[in-house]
Amino acid sequence: MKTNFTLSNRRRFPRFSPKKEMYVLHYNFGKVIDIGMGGILFNYVDKDYLNEKPPERGILFGLNEDYMDEIPFETISDSIISKSASSKPVIKQRRILFGDLTDSQIRMLEQFIIANARIPQLTYDTGNDLNLGQDYLTAI
């Protein structure tokens, strides 16, 4: 069974910041700002020589060699957030909506987020993360 997270659902899911550094490879290599079950936001350095359309799939990299690949990505926006006086480098921010995810990919994404993102409701004041289960991400 496939699930389609459409544009109307993009804010249906909460967004979480990474526990430590989290990266994405989607034509460019970028640093994740936030992630949720519906999509991802990341910053990257724009390369002048990359003029092609971004691919339809991407890779997420988390902690301890944790990663997910072949994730269907749909670019929602791609905008300049910082430009130096000499116009180089240009820092951009890309918003991605996850495309059609299989049931297996949805479960993997839930686990990836639990393992790599800071979820305030799962954290004690001391900063220790609890693992309360994958159903939490889709229940809220």
Protein backbone atom coordinates (compact mmCIF):
# COMPACT_ATOMS: atom_id res chain seq x y z
CA MET A 1 0.00 0.00 0.00
CA LYS A 2 1.30 3.44 -0.88
CA THR A 3 0.63 6.65 0.97
CA ASN A 4 0.71 10.03 -0.73
CA PHE A 5 1.58 13.03 1.46
CA THR A 6 0.07 15.77 -0.70
CA LEU A 7 0.68 19.49 -0.48
CA SER A 8 -2.42 19.90 1.65
CA ASN A 9 -0.87 17.55 4.23
CA ARG A 10 2.54 19.16 4.44
CA ARG A 11 1.87 20.81 7.81
CA ARG A 12 -0.19 17.91 9.11
CA PHE A 13 2.86 16.49 10.86
CA PRO A 14 5.00 18.17 13.51
CA ARG A 15 8.55 19.19 12.64
CA PHE A 16 11.58 18.31 14.76
CA SER A 17 15.15 19.61 14.86
CA PRO A 18 18.10 17.20 14.68
CA LYS A 19 19.68 15.92 17.93
CA LYS A 20 23.09 16.50 16.40
CA GLU A 21 23.98 17.17 12.81
CA MET A 22 21.78 15.51 10.21
CA TYR A 23 22.42 15.77 6.48
CA VAL A 24 20.61 15.23 3.22
CA LEU A 25 21.84 14.49 -0.29
CA HIS A 26 19.44 15.81 -2.91
CA TYR A 27 21.55 16.92 -5.84
CA ASN A 28 23.33 19.11 -3.29
CA PHE A 29 24.67 18.07 0.10
CA GLY A 30 22.86 19.99 2.84
CA LYS A 31 22.41 20.33 6.58
CA VAL A 32 18.94 19.48 7.91
CA ILE A 33 17.13 22.28 9.77
CA ASP A 34 13.99 20.30 10.58
CA ILE A 35 12.27 17.05 9.64
CA GLY A 36 8.82 15.53 10.02
CA MET A 37 6.83 12.68 8.56
CA GLY A 38 5.67 14.97 5.76
CA GLY A 39 8.95 16.53 4.68
CA ILE A 40 12.28 18.14 5.40
CA LEU A 41 13.92 21.58 5.39
CA PHE A 42 17.67 21.95 4.76
CA ASN A 43 20.33 24.53 3.93
CA TYR A 44 23.05 24.02 1.34
CA VAL A 45 25.72 25.86 -0.64
CA ASP A 46 24.54 26.43 -4.19
CA LYS A 47 26.91 25.34 -6.93
CA ASP A 48 26.87 27.39 -10.15
CA TYR A 49 27.69 24.38 -12.27
CA LEU A 50 24.63 22.43 -11.05
CA ASN A 51 21.92 23.67 -13.38
CA GLU A 52 19.91 20.49 -13.75
CA LYS A 53 16.61 19.75 -12.05
CA PRO A 54 17.07 17.98 -8.65
CA PRO A 55 16.45 14.22 -8.70
CA GLU A 56 13.18 12.67 -7.59
CA ARG A 57 14.84 10.74 -4.75
CA GLY A 58 17.22 11.63 -1.95
CA ILE A 59 19.22 10.27 0.99
CA LEU A 60 19.09 11.22 4.69
CA PHE A 61 22.12 10.76 6.96
CA GLY A 62 21.77 10.68 10.74
CA LEU A 63 23.74 9.68 13.80
CA ASN A 64 25.94 6.57 14.04
CA GLU A 65 25.95 5.80 10.31
CA ASP A 66 22.13 5.77 10.30
CA TYR A 67 20.73 6.61 6.86
CA MET A 68 17.74 6.22 4.57
CA ASP A 69 18.01 6.21 0.80
CA GLU A 70 15.68 6.17 -2.20
CA ILE A 71 13.24 8.54 -0.48
CA PRO A 72 10.88 10.20 -2.96
CA PHE A 73 11.39 13.97 -2.75
CA GLU A 74 9.30 16.76 -4.22
CA THR A 75 10.83 20.24 -4.05
CA ILE A 76 8.34 22.75 -2.64
CA SER A 77 10.65 25.76 -2.51
CA ASP A 78 14.29 26.62 -3.07
CA SER A 79 15.30 30.10 -1.97
CA ILE A 80 18.42 32.16 -1.23
CA ILE A 81 18.92 32.83 2.48
CA SER A 82 22.45 34.30 2.47
CA LYS A 83 24.68 35.90 -0.11
CA SER A 84 28.19 37.18 0.50
CA ALA A 85 29.42 40.55 -0.76
CA SER A 86 31.16 38.87 -3.68
CA SER A 87 28.00 36.85 -4.46
CA LYS A 88 29.77 33.58 -3.66
CA PRO A 89 29.03 31.33 -1.94
CA VAL A 90 25.26 31.49 -2.07
CA ILE A 91 23.49 29.68 0.78
CA LYS A 92 20.08 28.35 -0.14
CA GLN A 93 17.24 26.69 1.72
CA ARG A 94 15.19 23.89 0.17
CA ARG A 95 11.82 22.62 1.40
CA ILE A 96 11.04 19.05 0.44
CA LEU A 97 7.76 17.17 0.61
CA PHE A 98 8.15 13.41 0.87
CA GLY A 99 6.46 11.71 -2.06
CA ASP A 100 4.73 8.32 -2.18
CA LEU A 101 6.17 6.26 0.67
CA THR A 102 5.58 2.53 1.02
CA ASP A 103 4.48 1.14 4.39
CA SER A 104 8.05 -0.04 4.93
CA GLN A 105 9.48 3.41 4.16
CA ILE A 106 6.98 5.04 6.54
CA ARG A 107 8.11 2.73 9.37
CA MET A 108 11.78 3.38 8.51
CA LEU A 109 11.18 7.14 8.46
CA GLU A 110 9.46 6.99 11.87
CA GLN A 111 12.42 5.11 13.32
CA PHE A 112 14.89 7.47 11.65
CA ILE A 113 13.18 10.51 13.16
CA ILE A 114 12.96 8.93 16.62
CA ALA A 115 16.65 8.01 16.49
CA ASN A 116 17.95 11.28 15.02
CA ALA A 117 15.60 14.13 15.92
CA ARG A 118 14.98 15.99 19.15
CA ILE A 119 11.39 15.28 20.12
CA PRO A 120 10.52 17.51 23.10
CA GLN A 121 7.67 15.31 24.29
CA LEU A 122 10.08 12.35 24.52
CA THR A 123 12.80 14.21 26.42
CA TYR A 124 13.32 14.72 30.13
CA ASP A 125 14.52 18.11 31.34
CA THR A 126 18.00 16.56 31.59
CA GLY A 127 18.10 16.10 27.81
CA ASN A 128 17.99 12.28 27.84
CA ASP A 129 15.80 10.95 25.07
CA LEU A 130 13.21 8.27 25.72
CA ASN A 131 12.06 5.78 23.13
CA LEU A 132 8.30 5.59 23.59
CA GLY A 133 7.63 3.92 20.27
CA GLN A 134 7.16 4.74 16.61
CA ASP A 135 3.39 5.29 16.81
CA TYR A 136 3.98 8.59 18.64
CA LEU A 137 5.03 10.43 15.48
CA THR A 138 1.87 9.63 13.58
CA ALA A 139 -0.48 9.91 16.57
CA ILE A 140 -0.01 13.65 17.12
